[in-house]
Amino acid sequence: MSGGDLSNRIVAALSSGGPSTTNVKKLRKQILLQMQTDSDDKEAKKRFKKTVQKLEADGVLTLNKDGEITLISQQQANNKKKNTSNEKKDKKKKDKKKENKDISNGKRKKSTIDEDVDQEEENDEINSSGNEKRQKIDNGMKSSSQEEEVANEERDNDDAEEYDENATLRKDSNEKNVPCPGNPSGYTRLFLGNLPFAVDEASLRTFLSPAEMTHVKWITDKETGKFYGSAFIEVATSKCGAIAVKQKNGEKLMGRPIRINFAPARESDVWPPKSKEVTGNGGQAGGSGVKAMGVKPDNCVKLFIGNLSFDIDDDTIIKFFASVDSEVKAVRWLHHRDTGDFKGCGYVEFWNTEACEKGATLNGKSLMGRPIRIDWTD
């Protein structure tokens, strides 16, 4: 991931509708989870630290000795804008006061600009005698132009209120990533955390309304397919993103307060995904889901199997593949190095490619109450 992309994620997390001050360790864990990176990854921690230091040096945020990180760029910009505005007002008042004083004393001295203005007024007087008729025509054109401006303004106001009866936001492609209040960067990719394991696509759409979700990617364990309780979603427009972060962040879904942040895609990401719902079991996030298999290696005789019951054994898996006339040669289960606990996945080897292909047809089928995940391996 590039430094600029990581900077964008940090700023987006701090400006996503919640408090602009948070603990740096908590923010780091949140960002690494969005990146699908282990929170204990030392290299990732170093990149995060360097990015924070650079943002602090650039005046975008501050980090105090207690580990509290605060976004300050917007506040400074607002203060600067306010000070500039006040300075202009004060200068205008002083100039006006001085001009009134000079006029009342009759001592105003003509400047070069004043002389030019006088010359223009003299020319106007010479030309005005022969242009009365033309001026009437000009006034008529001006009136017509003003009427047209009013009509355009009313039409613009009508366009700004183009919501249907259910308050579904417009999906005009020209407005998809346009910056708007609450979403100054125009992001349409969001990260959702603390999701209930019973969540599905339908219930999530209802929860996010009136913001419209177009794609969802449930985040699952790469080996076991277990749902982590988080997801990435794409929404119809930047306005939808602003509504989701501002109105839905912290709201409860099935009794759990949902965490929502802006999550700009990495340069290497294929986003939005080709399908509207990824790694879900018919819209359900809680299982491993039916995930598309990868490219089959030449003469493949081995399959990866995941999302297995922790009560699985050799006889059960052999009988499972025998249901499609696929004879198993060997089974190897995967265990954690430190604890020796079963990971819920493993490898199955077959006697030939034909048997392996038959076994692959069981991808997504239920085994001991769980949809098994299968993929080619070598």
Protein backbone atom coordinates (compact mmCIF):
# COMPACT_ATOMS: atom_id res chain seq x y z
CA MET A 1 0.00 0.00 0.00
CA SER A 2 1.30 3.49 -0.85
CA GLY A 3 1.87 6.12 1.82
CA GLY A 4 -0.70 8.40 0.22
CA ASP A 5 -3.35 5.68 0.37
CA LEU A 6 -2.61 5.03 4.04
CA SER A 7 -2.77 8.79 4.74
CA ASN A 8 -6.18 8.96 3.08
CA ARG A 9 -7.45 6.09 5.25
CA ILE A 10 -6.25 7.77 8.46
CA VAL A 11 -7.79 11.14 7.57
CA ALA A 12 -11.02 9.46 6.42
CA ALA A 13 -11.30 7.51 9.70
CA LEU A 14 -10.81 10.68 11.76
CA SER A 15 -13.32 12.68 9.71
CA SER A 16 -16.02 10.02 9.36
CA GLY A 17 -18.64 11.57 11.62
CA GLY A 18 -17.33 10.33 14.99
CA PRO A 19 -15.01 12.19 17.40
CA SER A 20 -12.01 13.81 15.68
CA THR A 21 -9.77 12.68 18.58
CA THR A 22 -9.03 9.01 19.24
CA ASN A 23 -6.35 6.74 20.68
CA VAL A 24 -3.57 6.09 18.18
CA LYS A 25 -3.41 2.34 18.96
CA LYS A 26 -7.15 1.99 18.51
CA LEU A 27 -6.95 3.86 15.19
CA ARG A 28 -4.04 1.69 14.03
CA LYS A 29 -5.95 -1.51 14.76
CA GLN A 30 -8.98 -0.15 12.89
CA ILE A 31 -6.93 0.84 9.81
CA LEU A 32 -5.03 -2.48 9.68
CA LEU A 33 -8.32 -4.37 9.90
CA GLN A 34 -9.62 -2.35 6.94
CA MET A 35 -6.48 -3.37 5.04
CA GLN A 36 -7.08 -7.01 6.04
CA THR A 37 -3.65 -6.99 7.69
CA ASP A 38 -2.66 -8.70 10.94
CA SER A 39 -2.76 -6.09 13.74
CA ASP A 40 0.56 -7.54 15.07
CA ASP A 41 2.38 -7.16 11.72
CA LYS A 42 5.55 -5.21 12.58
CA GLU A 43 6.09 -3.82 9.07
CA ALA A 44 2.49 -2.59 8.91
CA LYS A 45 2.93 -0.91 12.32
CA LYS A 46 6.09 0.87 11.09
CA ARG A 47 4.33 2.15 7.94
CA PHE A 48 1.44 3.41 10.06
CA LYS A 49 3.82 5.19 12.48
CA LYS A 50 5.75 6.90 9.64
CA THR A 51 2.52 8.01 7.98
CA VAL A 52 1.21 9.52 11.23
CA GLN A 53 4.51 11.33 11.78
CA LYS A 54 4.37 12.76 8.24
CA LEU A 55 0.77 13.90 8.70
CA GLU A 56 1.77 15.54 11.99
CA ALA A 57 4.70 17.31 10.28
CA ASP A 58 2.36 18.54 7.54
CA GLY A 59 0.01 20.01 10.12
CA VAL A 60 -2.87 17.64 9.33
CA LEU A 61 -3.09 16.13 12.82
CA THR A 62 -1.48 16.20 16.27
CA LEU A 63 -0.33 13.38 18.57
CA ASN A 64 0.10 14.13 22.27
CA LYS A 65 2.18 12.28 24.86
CA ASP A 66 -0.89 10.32 26.02
CA GLY A 67 -1.29 8.74 22.59
CA GLU A 68 -4.32 10.81 21.63
CA ILE A 69 -4.43 11.68 17.91
CA THR A 70 -6.47 14.69 16.73
CA LEU A 71 -7.41 15.85 13.23
CA ILE A 72 -6.77 19.61 13.07
CA SER A 73 -6.54 20.56 9.38
CA GLN A 74 -10.23 21.33 8.92
CA GLN A 75 -10.35 23.43 12.10
CA GLN A 76 -7.31 25.43 11.02
CA ALA A 77 -8.77 25.96 7.57
CA ASN A 78 -12.02 27.22 9.08
CA ASN A 79 -10.15 29.57 11.43
CA LYS A 80 -8.03 30.91 8.60
CA LYS A 81 -11.10 31.46 6.44
CA LYS A 82 -12.86 33.22 9.31
CA ASN A 83 -9.85 35.46 10.03
CA THR A 84 -9.50 36.37 6.34
CA SER A 85 -13.17 37.23 6.14
CA ASN A 86 -12.96 39.41 9.25
CA GLU A 87 -9.89 41.22 7.89
CA LYS A 88 -11.70 42.01 4.63
CA LYS A 89 -14.71 43.35 6.52
CA ASP A 90 -12.51 45.57 8.73
CA LYS A 91 -10.64 46.94 5.71
CA LYS A 92 -13.87 47.65 3.88
CA LYS A 93 -15.25 49.54 6.90
CA LYS A 94 -12.06 51.64 7.22
CA ASP A 95 -12.06 52.52 3.50
CA LYS A 96 -15.73 53.49 3.63
CA LYS A 97 -15.21 55.64 6.72
CA LYS A 98 -12.26 57.42 5.14
CA GLU A 99 -14.15 58.02 1.89
CA ASN A 100 -17.15 59.52 3.74
CA LYS A 101 -14.83 61.80 5.71
CA ASP A 102 -13.12 63.07 2.54
CA ILE A 103 -16.42 63.72 0.82
CA SER A 104 -17.84 65.63 3.80
CA ASN A 105 -14.74 67.87 3.95
CA GLY A 106 -14.77 68.47 0.18
CA LYS A 107 -11.07 67.59 0.01
CA ARG A 108 -11.15 64.40 -1.97
CA LYS A 109 -8.29 64.45 -4.47
CA LYS A 110 -8.85 62.89 -7.85
CA SER A 111 -6.68 59.93 -8.56
CA THR A 112 -5.79 58.56 -12.00
CA ILE A 113 -8.69 56.15 -11.65
CA ASP A 114 -11.05 59.03 -10.78
CA GLU A 115 -9.95 60.92 -13.90
CA ASP A 116 -10.60 57.86 -16.05
CA VAL A 117 -14.06 57.50 -14.51
CA ASP A 118 -14.82 61.19 -15.23
CA GLN A 119 -13.76 60.72 -18.84
CA GLU A 120 -16.01 57.68 -19.17
CA GLU A 121 -18.95 59.61 -17.69
CA GLU A 122 -18.36 62.42 -20.19
CA ASN A 123 -18.33 59.99 -23.08
CA ASP A 124 -21.51 58.39 -21.77
CA GLU A 125 -23.25 61.80 -21.77
CA ILE A 126 -22.25 62.42 -25.41
CA ASN A 127 -23.45 59.02 -26.53
CA SER A 128 -26.64 58.93 -24.44
CA SER A 129 -28.53 61.46 -26.61
CA GLY A 130 -28.58 59.16 -29.63
CA ASN A 131 -29.02 55.88 -27.74
CA GLU A 132 -32.32 56.20 -25.88
CA LYS A 133 -34.05 53.76 -28.19
CA ARG A 134 -31.22 51.23 -27.96
CA GLN A 135 -31.29 51.49 -24.15
CA LYS A 136 -34.97 50.59 -24.11
CA ILE A 137 -34.20 47.49 -26.18
CA ASP A 138 -31.29 46.64 -23.83
CA ASN A 139 -33.59 46.99 -20.82
CA GLY A 140 -36.04 44.62 -22.45
CA MET A 141 -33.24 42.10 -23.09
CA LYS A 142 -32.02 42.46 -19.52
CA SER A 143 -35.49 41.81 -18.18
CA SER A 144 -35.75 38.72 -20.37
CA SER A 145 -32.31 37.54 -19.19
CA GLN A 146 -33.30 38.01 -15.54
CA GLU A 147 -36.46 35.98 -16.08
CA GLU A 148 -34.37 33.20 -17.65
CA GLU A 149 -31.96 33.23 -14.68
CA VAL A 150 -34.88 32.93 -12.24
CA ALA A 151 -36.30 30.04 -14.28
CA ASN A 152 -32.89 28.29 -14.28
CA GLU A 153 -32.53 28.80 -10.52
CA GLU A 154 -35.97 27.27 -9.91
CA ARG A 155 -35.06 24.34 -12.14
CA ASP A 156 -31.79 23.84 -10.20
CA ASN A 157 -33.74 23.83 -6.93
CA ASP A 158 -36.07 21.20 -8.37
CA ASP A 159 -33.07 19.09 -9.38
CA ALA A 160 -31.61 19.33 -5.85
CA GLU A 161 -34.79 17.80 -4.47
CA GLU A 162 -34.92 14.78 -6.79
CA TYR A 163 -35.69 12.10 -4.20
CA ASP A 164 -38.39 9.48 -4.61
CA GLU A 165 -41.10 8.76 -2.05
CA ASN A 166 -38.83 6.35 -0.18
CA ALA A 167 -36.01 8.94 -0.04
CA THR A 168 -33.78 6.82 -2.30
CA LEU A 169 -30.87 8.97 -3.46
CA ARG A 170 -30.23 9.60 -7.14
CA LYS A 171 -27.78 7.32 -8.95
CA ASP A 172 -26.57 9.84 -11.55
CA SER A 173 -23.08 8.63 -12.47
CA ASN A 174 -21.89 12.24 -12.76
CA GLU A 175 -22.63 12.76 -9.05
CA LYS A 176 -21.28 9.43 -7.74
CA ASN A 177 -17.99 10.68 -6.28
CA VAL A 178 -18.74 14.40 -6.04
CA PRO A 179 -17.59 15.89 -2.68
CA CYS A 180 -20.51 16.86 -0.46
CA PRO A 181 -21.18 17.92 3.15
CA GLY A 182 -20.11 15.11 5.45
CA ASN A 183 -18.05 13.47 2.68
CA PRO A 184 -15.51 16.04 1.40
CA SER A 185 -13.49 13.39 -0.47
CA GLY A 186 -16.52 11.89 -2.24
CA TYR A 187 -15.87 8.32 -1.02
CA THR A 188 -18.43 5.61 -1.88
CA ARG A 189 -16.59 2.64 -0.32
CA LEU A 190 -17.31 2.07 3.38
CA PHE A 191 -16.06 -0.28 6.08
CA LEU A 192 -18.62 -1.79 8.47
CA GLY A 193 -17.57 -3.41 11.75
CA ASN A 194 -19.20 -5.21 14.70
CA LEU A 195 -21.81 -6.79 12.43
CA PRO A 196 -24.02 -9.56 13.89
CA PHE A 197 -23.26 -13.04 12.51
CA ALA A 198 -26.92 -13.38 11.48
CA VAL A 199 -26.73 -10.34 9.18
CA ASP A 200 -27.57 -10.81 5.51
CA GLU A 201 -27.75 -8.58 2.45
CA ALA A 202 -31.46 -7.79 2.87
CA SER A 203 -31.22 -6.79 6.55
CA LEU A 204 -28.13 -4.66 5.86
CA ARG A 205 -29.88 -2.81 3.02
CA THR A 206 -32.83 -2.04 5.29
CA PHE A 207 -30.51 -0.83 8.06
CA LEU A 208 -28.60 1.55 5.76
CA SER A 209 -31.71 3.09 4.13
CA PRO A 210 -32.09 5.84 2.85
CA ALA A 211 -28.43 5.33 1.83
CA GLU A 212 -28.44 2.81 -1.01
CA MET A 213 -25.96 -0.09 -0.97
CA THR A 214 -24.95 -1.48 -4.37
CA HIS A 215 -22.26 -4.05 -3.43
CA VAL A 216 -21.19 -5.90 -0.28
CA LYS A 217 -18.07 -7.96 0.44
CA TRP A 218 -18.23 -9.98 3.66
CA ILE A 219 -14.80 -10.32 5.30
CA THR A 220 -13.98 -13.94 6.09
CA ASP A 221 -10.96 -15.98 7.15
CA LYS A 222 -8.96 -16.98 4.08
CA GLU A 223 -8.43 -20.55 5.28
CA THR A 224 -11.55 -21.44 7.24
CA GLY A 225 -14.08 -19.10 5.61
CA LYS A 226 -15.30 -17.99 9.05
CA PHE A 227 -17.13 -14.64 9.03
CA TYR A 228 -15.24 -11.92 10.94
CA GLY A 229 -18.29 -9.72 11.60
CA SER A 230 -17.19 -6.99 9.21
CA ALA A 231 -17.63 -6.03 5.56
CA PHE A 232 -16.81 -3.55 2.83
CA ILE A 233 -19.72 -2.01 0.95
CA GLU A 234 -20.18 0.26 -2.07
CA VAL A 235 -22.96 2.85 -2.02
CA ALA A 236 -24.73 4.57 -4.92
CA THR A 237 -23.34 8.10 -4.42
CA SER A 238 -21.08 10.15 -2.18
CA LYS A 239 -24.28 11.54 -0.56
CA CYS A 240 -25.23 7.99 0.40
CA GLY A 241 -21.79 7.60 2.00
CA ALA A 242 -22.26 10.79 4.01
CA ILE A 243 -25.70 9.66 5.23
CA ALA A 244 -24.44 6.18 6.20
CA VAL A 245 -21.49 7.54 8.21
CA LYS A 246 -23.35 10.43 9.82
CA GLN A 247 -26.72 8.81 10.56
CA LYS A 248 -25.99 5.09 10.88
CA ASN A 249 -22.59 4.98 12.60
CA GLY A 250 -23.21 3.71 16.14
CA GLU A 251 -26.82 2.70 15.42
CA LYS A 252 -27.82 -0.83 16.46
CA LEU A 253 -28.50 -3.70 14.06
CA MET A 254 -29.83 -6.85 15.73
CA GLY A 255 -28.75 -5.44 19.09
CA ARG A 256 -25.18 -4.55 18.06
CA PRO A 257 -23.90 -0.96 17.52
CA ILE A 258 -22.48 -0.86 14.00
CA ARG A 259 -19.23 0.94 13.27
CA ILE A 260 -19.07 2.69 9.86
CA ASN A 261 -16.06 4.48 8.34
CA PHE A 262 -15.01 5.74 4.95
CA ALA A 263 -12.63 3.18 3.41
CA PRO A 264 -11.09 4.30 0.08
CA ALA A 265 -9.99 1.35 -2.06
CA ARG A 266 -6.32 0.57 -2.53
CA GLU A 267 -4.80 1.04 -5.99
CA SER A 268 -4.48 -2.74 -6.37
CA ASP A 269 -8.10 -3.46 -5.35
CA VAL A 270 -10.70 -4.45 -7.92
CA TRP A 271 -13.50 -2.27 -6.63
CA PRO A 272 -16.43 -2.30 -6.82
CA PRO A 273 -16.44 -6.11 -7.23
CA LYS A 274 -17.95 -7.70 -10.33
CA SER A 275 -20.76 -9.35 -8.34
CA LYS A 276 -23.06 -7.41 -6.01
CA GLU A 277 -22.48 -9.82 -3.13
CA VAL A 278 -19.14 -11.55 -2.43
CA THR A 279 -18.39 -14.55 -0.16
CA GLY A 280 -21.94 -14.81 1.08
CA ASN A 281 -24.21 -17.84 1.33
CA GLY A 282 -27.25 -16.65 -0.60
CA GLY A 283 -26.87 -13.20 0.93
CA GLN A 284 -26.03 -14.62 4.38
CA ALA A 285 -22.74 -13.50 5.94
CA GLY A 286 -22.52 -15.98 8.81
CA GLY A 287 -21.32 -19.00 6.80
CA SER A 288 -18.29 -19.29 4.60
CA GLY A 289 -20.45 -19.01 1.53
CA VAL A 290 -19.99 -20.41 -1.95
CA LYS A 291 -16.83 -18.80 -3.19
CA ALA A 292 -15.69 -19.08 -6.79
CA MET A 293 -12.79 -21.48 -7.23
CA GLY A 294 -9.45 -20.34 -8.55
CA VAL A 295 -7.63 -21.46 -11.70
CA LYS A 296 -7.13 -25.21 -11.85
CA PRO A 297 -3.47 -26.30 -12.10
CA ASP A 298 -2.55 -28.80 -14.80
CA ASN A 299 -3.07 -32.45 -13.78
CA CYS A 300 -4.47 -31.33 -10.40
CA VAL A 301 -5.10 -34.17 -7.92
CA LYS A 302 -5.38 -32.17 -4.66
CA LEU A 303 -8.09 -29.91 -3.17
CA PHE A 304 -8.11 -27.44 -0.30
CA ILE A 305 -11.14 -27.89 1.99
CA GLY A 306 -12.29 -25.23 4.48
CA ASN A 307 -15.11 -24.19 6.86
CA LEU A 308 -15.11 -27.70 8.31
CA SER A 309 -16.78 -28.81 11.52
CA PHE A 310 -14.31 -29.28 14.36
CA ASP A 311 -15.75 -32.79 14.80
CA ILE A 312 -14.71 -33.89 11.30
CA ASP A 313 -12.61 -37.04 10.87
CA ASP A 314 -11.04 -39.07 8.04
CA ASP A 315 -13.96 -41.46 7.59
CA THR A 316 -16.50 -38.62 7.31
CA ILE A 317 -14.56 -36.73 4.64
CA ILE A 318 -13.85 -39.93 2.66
CA LYS A 319 -17.57 -40.82 2.63
CA PHE A 320 -18.44 -37.25 1.66
CA PHE A 321 -16.37 -37.40 -1.52
CA ALA A 322 -17.43 -40.99 -2.20
CA SER A 323 -20.97 -39.60 -2.73
CA VAL A 324 -19.78 -38.36 -6.17
CA ASP A 325 -17.60 -41.43 -6.92
CA SER A 326 -14.44 -39.57 -5.96
CA GLU A 327 -11.96 -41.87 -4.21
CA VAL A 328 -9.68 -40.21 -1.66
CA LYS A 329 -6.00 -41.17 -1.54
CA ALA A 330 -4.91 -39.15 1.53
CA VAL A 331 -6.18 -36.50 3.98
CA ARG A 332 -4.07 -33.89 5.80
CA TRP A 333 -5.62 -31.65 8.48
CA LEU A 334 -4.13 -28.24 9.38
CA HIS A 335 -3.40 -27.31 13.02
CA HIS A 336 -2.14 -24.17 14.81
CA ARG A 337 1.61 -24.34 15.49
CA ASP A 338 1.48 -23.01 19.04
CA THR A 339 -1.60 -24.73 20.43
CA GLY A 340 -2.02 -27.72 18.11
CA ASP A 341 -5.73 -26.87 17.75
CA PHE A 342 -7.49 -27.86 14.53
CA LYS A 343 -7.94 -24.91 12.14
CA GLY A 344 -11.09 -26.26 10.53
CA CYS A 345 -9.44 -26.87 7.16
CA GLY A 346 -7.09 -29.22 5.36
CA TYR A 347 -6.10 -30.91 2.09
CA VAL A 348 -7.49 -33.95 0.29
CA GLU A 349 -5.49 -35.86 -2.33
CA PHE A 350 -7.11 -38.09 -4.98
CA TRP A 351 -5.81 -40.93 -7.13
CA ASN A 352 -6.28 -39.07 -10.42
CA THR A 353 -7.44 -35.78 -11.98
CA GLU A 354 -10.88 -37.15 -12.86
CA ALA A 355 -11.60 -37.99 -9.20
CA CYS A 356 -10.32 -34.55 -8.18
CA GLU A 357 -12.68 -32.83 -10.64
CA LYS A 358 -15.64 -34.82 -9.31
CA GLY A 359 -14.72 -33.86 -5.74
CA ALA A 360 -14.60 -30.17 -6.71
CA THR A 361 -18.30 -30.27 -7.65
CA LEU A 362 -19.08 -30.47 -3.90
CA ASN A 363 -17.92 -26.87 -3.33
CA GLY A 364 -20.55 -25.14 -1.15
CA LYS A 365 -22.36 -28.38 -0.25
CA SER A 366 -23.32 -28.97 3.38
CA LEU A 367 -21.13 -31.26 5.47
CA MET A 368 -22.00 -31.72 9.16
CA GLY A 369 -24.21 -28.63 9.00
CA ARG A 370 -21.62 -26.33 7.38
CA PRO A 371 -21.20 -25.33 3.72
CA ILE A 372 -17.78 -26.71 2.79
CA ARG A 373 -15.39 -24.48 0.85
CA ILE A 374 -13.27 -26.17 -1.83
CA ASP A 375 -10.51 -24.85 -4.06
CA TRP A 376 -7.82 -26.24 -6.34
CA THR A 377 -4.27 -26.58 -5.01
CA ASP A 378 -1.02 -28.21 -6.06
